[in-house]
Amino acid sequence: MEANVNEHITRSQAHTIVATYLGWSLDAFDFFLITFVMLAIAKTFNVALVVITLSITLTLSMRFLGSLFFGPVGDKYGRKITMVISLIFLAFFDTLVAFSPTITVFLILRALYGFGMGGEWGSGFALAMESLPTKARGWVSGLIQGGYPTGYLLAAIVYLFIYPRFGWRPMFYFAALPAIAVIYIMITTKESPVYNEFKKRASFRQTFTTIGKHWKLFIYLSILLIGMNFVSHSTQDLYPTFLEHQLHFSTTYVASIAIAYNAAAIVGGVISGIISQNTRLGRRWNAIAFLLVGIAISPLWAFPEIFGRSSLLYMAFLAPVIMQFIVQGAWAMPGVYMNERSPAEARATIPGVAYMIGVMVASTASTIEVLVSSMFHDNYSYSMLLLVLIIFPLTAVMWFLGKESKNARLDATAA
């Protein structure tokens, strides 16, 4: 019988929601610090902007290796302890970025940070989904995944108040913030009841045997998450640079826009999760609907001056707010969907590794956008729109090809 049959959220479950949301938020915060200061970092180390965008590719690629390591650890030793270790690891190395003497050291530290980042999501999401009532999964999935734009929003705030006065290096002092999540998790959070069902028989061999039995599912989820990660990274990573470099907005305005569209993203994720749980759309059609709306509004997002220069300030604020509401609405689904479809004995590994495979492939998004924009005289609008019009429809098709998972059992015996 599934461990979380009670449909009311207990105090312990509420702590689990807060812990996983906080962990993913501060994880993402560390990642997004760099997106606001790529031009400044390139100037400091006297390298081309494309070198700094490649550092994003390196960081996101290392998340894949981190998931390969931490995923099986989470399935053998538990979701909670694995989440804690990965948070400590990533916070330590990203804080050291502030003291990078050369571009080489900078790249190495960001790579090590990425390795730690690869372990947090899989164990954190498994911990939450396995601990909560079935009816809460949809909105909690949207909320926890909303930790990603929350981290982006926090990075924008640090950029707004720290960068103009102190430069980019002190921004990375705040990369130590995940330690707050570690303290909270250790004090308040219990291990997943589903993991406790099978922990006596848990082993690395069992994890990989389970993956082998479900290899078709693993491949499908990996391809789906490649599309979903392109959806997010193609609309997020380069956008602050686009506002600063192409639209010539000030630091204050860039940060203000980023804060606004990430706040909208958080709301979009929660609303999407509620819709998926309480309507006939379910997980798949809910994601498809949000992606189709994203395609429709993409011209306004990529060309905010489309109605003339007089509307630029208004549209440059409104369009990304709507776009990130849509993007995060679609992103509310992968966490709950992959956990509902994955067997318990490999639930920290299959979703986590599939996610990070998607991250690794999609890590090229900002580099692709920079290189394609060079074909249009460094106009980022064309490259951003092109990627959206290719990626969003293909990802919608992948969702259509999947099976619905709403209200699936998550206990160990269901695997």
Protein backbone atom coordinates (compact mmCIF):
# COMPACT_ATOMS: atom_id res chain seq x y z
CA MET A 1 0.00 0.00 0.00
CA GLU A 2 1.37 3.43 -0.86
CA ALA A 3 2.94 5.22 2.09
CA ASN A 4 1.31 8.59 1.51
CA VAL A 5 -2.36 7.63 1.47
CA ASN A 6 -3.32 10.51 3.79
CA GLU A 7 -4.51 13.33 1.55
CA HIS A 8 -3.78 16.02 4.17
CA ILE A 9 -0.28 17.44 4.38
CA THR A 10 1.29 16.84 7.78
CA ARG A 11 3.86 19.06 9.45
CA SER A 12 6.63 16.63 8.49
CA GLN A 13 5.51 16.64 4.84
CA ALA A 14 5.36 20.45 4.87
CA HIS A 15 8.99 20.50 6.04
CA THR A 16 9.86 18.17 3.16
CA ILE A 17 8.24 20.55 0.66
CA VAL A 18 10.12 23.53 2.10
CA ALA A 19 13.42 21.62 2.19
CA THR A 20 13.27 20.43 -1.41
CA TYR A 21 12.07 23.82 -2.65
CA LEU A 22 14.82 25.60 -0.73
CA GLY A 23 17.48 23.17 -1.92
CA TRP A 24 16.58 23.51 -5.59
CA SER A 25 16.17 27.29 -5.31
CA LEU A 26 19.64 27.84 -3.87
CA ASP A 27 21.11 25.29 -6.28
CA ALA A 28 19.67 27.28 -9.20
CA PHE A 29 20.72 30.56 -7.57
CA ASP A 30 24.35 29.46 -7.77
CA PHE A 31 23.94 28.55 -11.42
CA PHE A 32 22.29 31.78 -12.55
CA LEU A 33 24.79 34.13 -10.92
CA ILE A 34 26.97 33.83 -14.00
CA THR A 35 24.22 34.67 -16.50
CA PHE A 36 24.10 38.30 -15.33
CA VAL A 37 27.83 38.98 -15.51
CA MET A 38 29.12 37.08 -18.52
CA LEU A 39 30.31 40.24 -20.23
CA ALA A 40 32.10 41.42 -17.08
CA ILE A 41 33.79 38.04 -16.54
CA ALA A 42 34.90 37.93 -20.17
CA LYS A 43 36.43 41.39 -19.73
CA THR A 44 38.20 40.41 -16.49
CA PHE A 45 39.90 37.41 -18.08
CA ASN A 46 40.28 39.09 -21.48
CA VAL A 47 38.46 36.34 -23.38
CA ALA A 48 35.63 36.33 -25.92
CA LEU A 49 32.04 36.10 -24.69
CA VAL A 50 31.69 32.69 -26.33
CA VAL A 51 34.30 31.32 -23.87
CA ILE A 52 32.07 32.30 -20.96
CA THR A 53 29.00 30.79 -22.62
CA LEU A 54 31.06 27.62 -23.04
CA SER A 55 31.57 27.65 -19.27
CA ILE A 56 27.78 27.27 -18.98
CA THR A 57 27.99 24.31 -21.34
CA LEU A 58 30.76 22.82 -19.18
CA THR A 59 28.82 23.33 -15.95
CA LEU A 60 25.64 21.79 -17.32
CA SER A 61 27.54 18.88 -18.87
CA MET A 62 29.14 18.06 -15.52
CA ARG A 63 25.67 17.86 -14.04
CA PHE A 64 25.26 14.68 -16.08
CA LEU A 65 28.32 13.07 -14.48
CA GLY A 66 27.09 14.21 -11.08
CA SER A 67 23.73 12.53 -11.66
CA LEU A 68 25.46 9.27 -12.63
CA PHE A 69 27.30 9.35 -9.30
CA PHE A 70 24.68 10.73 -6.92
CA GLY A 71 21.64 8.97 -8.44
CA PRO A 72 22.67 5.42 -7.48
CA VAL A 73 23.92 6.77 -4.13
CA GLY A 74 20.44 8.17 -3.49
CA ASP A 75 18.82 4.86 -4.34
CA LYS A 76 21.21 2.89 -2.09
CA TYR A 77 21.80 5.19 0.89
CA GLY A 78 18.71 7.39 0.87
CA ARG A 79 17.29 10.54 -0.70
CA LYS A 80 17.91 12.89 2.24
CA ILE A 81 21.63 12.30 2.87
CA THR A 82 22.40 12.38 -0.85
CA MET A 83 20.64 15.71 -1.21
CA VAL A 84 22.64 17.14 1.71
CA ILE A 85 26.02 15.95 0.41
CA SER A 86 25.42 17.32 -3.08
CA LEU A 87 24.38 20.73 -1.69
CA ILE A 88 27.54 20.98 0.44
CA PHE A 89 29.69 19.97 -2.54
CA LEU A 90 28.23 22.49 -4.99
CA ALA A 91 28.19 25.38 -2.49
CA PHE A 92 31.86 24.90 -1.61
CA PHE A 93 33.19 24.95 -5.16
CA ASP A 94 30.95 27.73 -6.47
CA THR A 95 31.95 30.00 -3.59
CA LEU A 96 35.60 29.52 -4.60
CA VAL A 97 34.71 30.93 -8.05
CA ALA A 98 34.91 34.40 -6.49
CA PHE A 99 38.66 33.93 -6.03
CA SER A 100 39.47 32.53 -9.50
CA PRO A 101 42.88 33.94 -10.57
CA THR A 102 42.63 32.73 -14.18
CA ILE A 103 40.01 31.64 -16.69
CA THR A 104 41.27 28.06 -16.37
CA VAL A 105 40.67 27.96 -12.63
CA PHE A 106 37.29 29.62 -13.16
CA LEU A 107 36.24 26.90 -15.62
CA ILE A 108 37.46 24.08 -13.35
CA LEU A 109 35.57 25.41 -10.34
CA ARG A 110 32.36 25.89 -12.31
CA ALA A 111 32.72 22.33 -13.62
CA LEU A 112 33.08 20.94 -10.07
CA TYR A 113 30.08 22.99 -8.99
CA GLY A 114 28.13 21.45 -11.88
CA PHE A 115 29.07 17.95 -10.67
CA GLY A 116 27.45 18.69 -7.30
CA MET A 117 24.43 20.29 -8.93
CA GLY A 118 23.82 17.06 -10.82
CA GLY A 119 23.03 15.22 -7.60
CA GLU A 120 20.54 17.50 -5.89
CA TRP A 121 17.51 17.35 -8.18
CA GLY A 122 17.07 13.57 -8.49
CA SER A 123 17.20 12.83 -4.77
CA GLY A 124 15.29 15.97 -3.81
CA PHE A 125 12.37 15.32 -6.13
CA ALA A 126 12.20 11.64 -5.19
CA LEU A 127 12.15 12.63 -1.52
CA ALA A 128 9.26 15.02 -2.08
CA MET A 129 7.11 12.92 -4.42
CA GLU A 130 7.49 9.79 -2.27
CA SER A 131 6.61 11.63 0.94
CA LEU A 132 3.49 13.52 -0.13
CA PRO A 133 -0.22 12.74 -0.59
CA THR A 134 -1.15 11.79 -4.14
CA LYS A 135 -3.42 14.80 -4.64
CA ALA A 136 -0.62 17.18 -3.67
CA ARG A 137 1.89 15.97 -6.25
CA GLY A 138 0.81 18.28 -9.06
CA TRP A 139 1.06 21.62 -7.29
CA VAL A 140 4.09 20.57 -5.23
CA SER A 141 5.89 19.54 -8.41
CA GLY A 142 5.15 22.97 -9.85
CA LEU A 143 6.29 24.65 -6.64
CA ILE A 144 9.54 22.71 -6.29
CA GLN A 145 10.44 23.15 -9.94
CA GLY A 146 9.62 26.80 -9.34
CA GLY A 147 12.74 26.78 -7.21
CA TYR A 148 14.63 27.19 -10.47
CA PRO A 149 13.17 30.63 -11.31
CA THR A 150 13.33 31.43 -7.60
CA GLY A 151 17.07 30.94 -7.78
CA TYR A 152 17.14 33.07 -10.92
CA LEU A 153 15.18 35.79 -9.10
CA LEU A 154 17.57 35.72 -6.13
CA ALA A 155 20.52 35.98 -8.50
CA ALA A 156 18.89 39.01 -10.11
CA ILE A 157 18.53 40.65 -6.69
CA VAL A 158 22.19 40.03 -5.85
CA TYR A 159 23.15 41.40 -9.27
CA LEU A 160 21.05 44.50 -8.69
CA PHE A 161 22.55 45.37 -5.30
CA ILE A 162 26.07 43.92 -5.42
CA TYR A 163 27.38 44.17 -8.98
CA PRO A 164 27.07 47.95 -9.54
CA ARG A 165 29.11 48.71 -6.38
CA PHE A 166 31.45 45.75 -6.00
CA GLY A 167 31.73 43.96 -9.36
CA TRP A 168 31.11 40.32 -10.19
CA ARG A 169 33.42 38.50 -7.76
CA PRO A 170 31.58 39.38 -4.50
CA MET A 171 28.37 38.05 -6.07
CA PHE A 172 29.82 34.55 -5.71
CA TYR A 173 30.32 34.98 -1.95
CA PHE A 174 26.58 34.33 -1.82
CA ALA A 175 27.11 30.96 -3.49
CA ALA A 176 27.56 29.59 0.03
CA LEU A 177 23.83 30.08 0.71
CA PRO A 178 22.91 26.39 0.07
CA ALA A 179 24.40 25.75 3.51
CA ILE A 180 21.13 27.23 4.84
CA ALA A 181 19.20 24.48 3.07
CA VAL A 182 21.53 21.83 4.49
CA ILE A 183 20.92 22.98 8.07
CA TYR A 184 17.15 23.07 7.55
CA ILE A 185 17.07 19.64 5.88
CA MET A 186 19.13 17.97 8.61
CA ILE A 187 16.96 19.41 11.41
CA THR A 188 13.45 19.08 10.00
CA THR A 189 13.26 16.52 7.19
CA LYS A 190 12.62 12.78 7.41
CA GLU A 191 13.76 10.16 4.95
CA SER A 192 11.31 9.08 2.24
CA PRO A 193 8.88 6.41 3.51
CA VAL A 194 9.09 4.67 0.13
CA TYR A 195 12.87 4.38 0.40
CA ASN A 196 12.43 2.97 3.92
CA GLU A 197 10.28 0.20 2.38
CA PHE A 198 13.14 -1.22 0.32
CA LYS A 199 16.34 0.11 1.94
CA LYS A 200 17.28 -3.26 3.44
CA ARG A 201 17.54 -4.73 -0.05
CA ALA A 202 18.84 -1.56 -1.72
CA SER A 203 22.08 -1.96 -3.65
CA PHE A 204 23.88 -0.52 -6.65
CA ARG A 205 23.28 -3.80 -8.46
CA GLN A 206 19.54 -3.55 -7.86
CA THR A 207 19.48 0.01 -9.14
CA PHE A 208 21.22 -0.83 -12.41
CA THR A 209 19.20 -4.03 -12.86
CA THR A 210 16.01 -1.97 -12.49
CA ILE A 211 17.25 0.55 -15.05
CA GLY A 212 18.02 -2.30 -17.45
CA LYS A 213 14.46 -3.61 -17.13
CA HIS A 214 13.07 -0.16 -17.90
CA TRP A 215 15.55 0.94 -20.57
CA LYS A 216 12.85 2.05 -23.02
CA LEU A 217 11.36 4.35 -20.39
CA PHE A 218 14.80 5.73 -19.59
CA ILE A 219 15.53 6.54 -23.24
CA TYR A 220 12.13 8.16 -23.72
CA LEU A 221 12.49 10.33 -20.62
CA SER A 222 16.00 11.35 -21.65
CA ILE A 223 14.82 12.53 -25.08
CA LEU A 224 11.84 14.31 -23.52
CA LEU A 225 14.12 16.12 -21.07
CA ILE A 226 16.50 17.15 -23.85
CA GLY A 227 13.58 19.01 -25.36
CA MET A 228 12.42 20.45 -22.05
CA ASN A 229 15.89 21.70 -21.15
CA PHE A 230 16.22 23.39 -24.53
CA VAL A 231 12.86 25.02 -23.80
CA SER A 232 14.22 26.58 -20.62
CA HIS A 233 17.85 27.30 -21.51
CA SER A 234 17.04 28.77 -24.92
CA THR A 235 14.68 31.28 -23.28
CA GLN A 236 16.64 32.05 -20.10
CA ASP A 237 20.44 31.83 -20.25
CA LEU A 238 21.14 34.55 -22.79
CA TYR A 239 18.20 36.82 -22.05
CA PRO A 240 19.95 39.17 -19.57
CA THR A 241 22.81 39.54 -22.06
CA PHE A 242 20.26 40.23 -24.82
CA LEU A 243 18.68 42.99 -22.73
CA GLU A 244 22.04 44.53 -21.88
CA HIS A 245 23.96 44.10 -25.13
CA GLN A 246 21.27 44.44 -27.80
CA LEU A 247 18.61 46.58 -26.15
CA HIS A 248 21.17 48.60 -24.13
CA PHE A 249 19.19 48.48 -20.91
CA SER A 250 20.80 49.53 -17.63
CA THR A 251 21.79 47.13 -14.86
CA THR A 252 18.77 48.23 -12.84
CA TYR A 253 16.32 47.61 -15.68
CA VAL A 254 17.84 44.24 -16.62
CA ALA A 255 17.62 43.10 -13.00
CA SER A 256 14.06 44.44 -12.64
CA ILE A 257 12.88 42.57 -15.74
CA ALA A 258 14.56 39.38 -14.55
CA ILE A 259 12.95 39.65 -11.12
CA ALA A 260 9.53 40.17 -12.73
CA TYR A 261 9.70 37.28 -15.18
CA ASN A 262 11.01 34.88 -12.56
CA ALA A 263 8.23 35.82 -10.17
CA ALA A 264 5.80 35.08 -13.00
CA ALA A 265 7.54 31.76 -13.62
CA ILE A 266 7.04 30.68 -10.00
CA VAL A 267 3.32 31.44 -10.23
CA GLY A 268 3.09 29.70 -13.61
CA GLY A 269 4.56 26.50 -12.22
CA VAL A 270 2.17 26.27 -9.30
CA ILE A 271 -0.88 27.09 -11.43
CA SER A 272 0.17 24.51 -14.00
CA GLY A 273 0.59 21.86 -11.31
CA ILE A 274 -2.88 22.57 -9.95
CA ILE A 275 -4.39 22.36 -13.44
CA SER A 276 -2.68 19.04 -14.15
CA GLN A 277 -4.01 17.51 -10.94
CA ASN A 278 -7.56 18.86 -11.01
CA THR A 279 -8.57 18.74 -14.68
CA ARG A 280 -8.73 16.09 -17.37
CA LEU A 281 -5.61 17.46 -19.03
CA GLY A 282 -3.31 15.42 -16.81
CA ARG A 283 0.47 15.80 -17.07
CA ARG A 284 1.04 15.35 -20.81
CA TRP A 285 -1.67 17.54 -22.31
CA ASN A 286 -1.05 20.22 -19.72
CA ALA A 287 2.60 20.48 -20.81
CA ILE A 288 1.59 20.46 -24.48
CA ALA A 289 -0.92 23.28 -23.95
CA PHE A 290 1.68 25.52 -22.30
CA LEU A 291 4.23 24.85 -25.06
CA LEU A 292 1.73 25.77 -27.79
CA VAL A 293 1.00 29.08 -26.09
CA GLY A 294 4.73 29.69 -25.86
CA ILE A 295 5.07 29.29 -29.62
CA ALA A 296 2.28 31.80 -30.17
CA ILE A 297 3.86 34.55 -28.07
CA SER A 298 7.50 33.92 -29.09
CA PRO A 299 7.67 36.72 -31.72
CA LEU A 300 6.74 39.30 -29.07
CA TRP A 301 9.36 37.85 -26.72
CA ALA A 302 12.21 37.82 -29.25
CA PHE A 303 11.27 41.17 -30.88
CA PRO A 304 9.95 43.38 -28.06
CA GLU A 305 10.23 46.41 -30.37
CA ILE A 306 7.80 44.80 -32.81
CA PHE A 307 5.23 47.58 -32.30
CA GLY A 308 7.82 50.33 -32.58
CA ARG A 309 10.51 51.83 -30.38
CA SER A 310 7.91 53.66 -28.32
CA SER A 311 6.60 50.31 -27.02
CA LEU A 312 10.05 48.80 -26.38
CA LEU A 313 10.25 49.38 -22.63
CA TYR A 314 6.72 48.07 -22.10
CA MET A 315 7.08 44.99 -24.31
CA ALA A 316 10.60 44.17 -23.06
CA PHE A 317 9.01 43.87 -19.62
CA LEU A 318 5.71 42.19 -20.50
CA ALA A 319 6.84 39.67 -23.13
CA PRO A 320 9.46 37.83 -21.01
CA VAL A 321 7.05 37.83 -18.06
CA ILE A 322 4.47 35.98 -20.16
CA MET A 323 7.09 33.71 -21.74
CA GLN A 324 8.56 32.56 -18.44
CA PHE A 325 5.09 32.01 -16.99
CA ILE A 326 4.54 29.66 -19.94
CA VAL A 327 7.96 27.99 -19.78
CA GLN A 328 7.66 27.23 -16.09
CA GLY A 329 4.09 26.09 -16.60
CA ALA A 330 5.41 23.40 -18.93
CA TRP A 331 8.29 22.68 -16.54
CA ALA A 332 5.93 21.95 -13.67
CA MET A 333 5.32 18.55 -15.30
CA PRO A 334 8.67 16.70 -15.75
CA GLY A 335 9.39 16.24 -12.04
CA VAL A 336 6.08 14.65 -11.12
CA TYR A 337 5.77 12.86 -14.47
CA MET A 338 9.17 11.15 -14.30
CA ASN A 339 8.73 10.16 -10.66
CA GLU A 340 5.27 8.73 -11.33
CA ARG A 341 6.61 6.65 -14.21
CA SER A 342 9.88 5.46 -12.62
CA PRO A 343 10.26 2.37 -10.39
CA ALA A 344 11.03 3.15 -6.73
CA GLU A 345 14.32 1.23 -6.66
CA ALA A 346 15.79 3.58 -9.29
CA ARG A 347 13.70 6.69 -8.69
CA ALA A 348 16.65 8.86 -7.67
CA THR A 349 18.61 7.66 -10.69
CA ILE A 350 16.29 7.41 -13.71
CA PRO A 351 14.65 10.86 -13.42
CA GLY A 352 17.89 12.48 -12.23
CA VAL A 353 20.08 11.08 -15.01
CA ALA A 354 17.41 11.64 -17.67
CA TYR A 355 17.13 15.26 -16.53
CA MET A 356 20.90 15.75 -16.63
CA ILE A 357 21.24 14.14 -20.07
CA GLY A 358 18.76 16.76 -21.20
CA VAL A 359 20.77 19.45 -19.42
CA MET A 360 24.03 18.27 -21.00
CA VAL A 361 22.67 18.38 -24.55
CA ALA A 362 20.76 21.63 -24.02
CA SER A 363 23.78 23.25 -22.39
CA THR A 364 24.75 24.29 -25.91
CA ALA A 365 21.69 26.56 -26.20
CA SER A 366 23.37 29.86 -25.30
CA THR A 367 26.44 29.05 -27.40
CA ILE A 368 24.22 28.18 -30.37
CA GLU A 369 22.32 31.45 -29.95
CA VAL A 370 25.55 33.48 -29.84
CA LEU A 371 26.98 31.74 -32.91
CA VAL A 372 23.74 31.98 -34.92
CA SER A 373 23.34 35.63 -33.97
CA SER A 374 26.71 36.35 -35.60
CA MET A 375 25.05 35.46 -38.91
CA PHE A 376 22.60 38.31 -38.28
CA HIS A 377 25.14 40.96 -37.28
CA ASP A 378 24.97 39.99 -33.58
CA ASN A 379 21.21 40.30 -33.49
CA TYR A 380 20.10 37.80 -30.83
CA SER A 381 16.41 38.13 -31.65
CA TYR A 382 16.61 35.91 -34.74
CA SER A 383 18.62 33.15 -33.07
CA MET A 384 16.37 33.09 -29.99
CA LEU A 385 13.18 32.94 -32.05
CA LEU A 386 14.59 30.27 -34.36
CA LEU A 387 15.44 27.99 -31.46
CA VAL A 388 11.99 28.40 -29.90
CA LEU A 389 10.19 27.63 -33.18
CA ILE A 390 12.20 24.43 -33.54
CA ILE A 391 12.35 23.18 -29.96
CA PHE A 392 8.87 23.91 -28.61
CA PRO A 393 6.95 21.94 -31.30
CA LEU A 394 9.34 18.96 -31.15
CA THR A 395 9.04 18.82 -27.36
CA ALA A 396 5.25 18.96 -27.59
CA VAL A 397 5.39 15.94 -29.91
CA MET A 398 7.50 14.02 -27.36
CA TRP A 399 4.92 14.70 -24.65
CA PHE A 400 2.20 13.46 -27.00
CA LEU A 401 4.07 10.18 -27.54
CA GLY A 402 4.29 9.42 -23.81
CA LYS A 403 1.85 7.70 -21.46
CA GLU A 404 -0.24 9.53 -18.87
CA SER A 405 1.01 9.09 -15.29
CA LYS A 406 -1.42 11.06 -13.14
CA ASN A 407 -2.05 9.48 -9.69
CA ALA A 408 0.29 6.52 -10.33
CA ARG A 409 1.38 4.55 -7.28
CA LEU A 410 4.87 5.40 -6.00
CA ASP A 411 5.46 2.69 -3.38
CA ALA A 412 8.22 0.12 -3.73
CA THR A 413 5.87 -2.77 -4.46
CA ALA A 414 4.42 -0.87 -7.45
CA ALA A 415 7.76 -1.09 -9.28
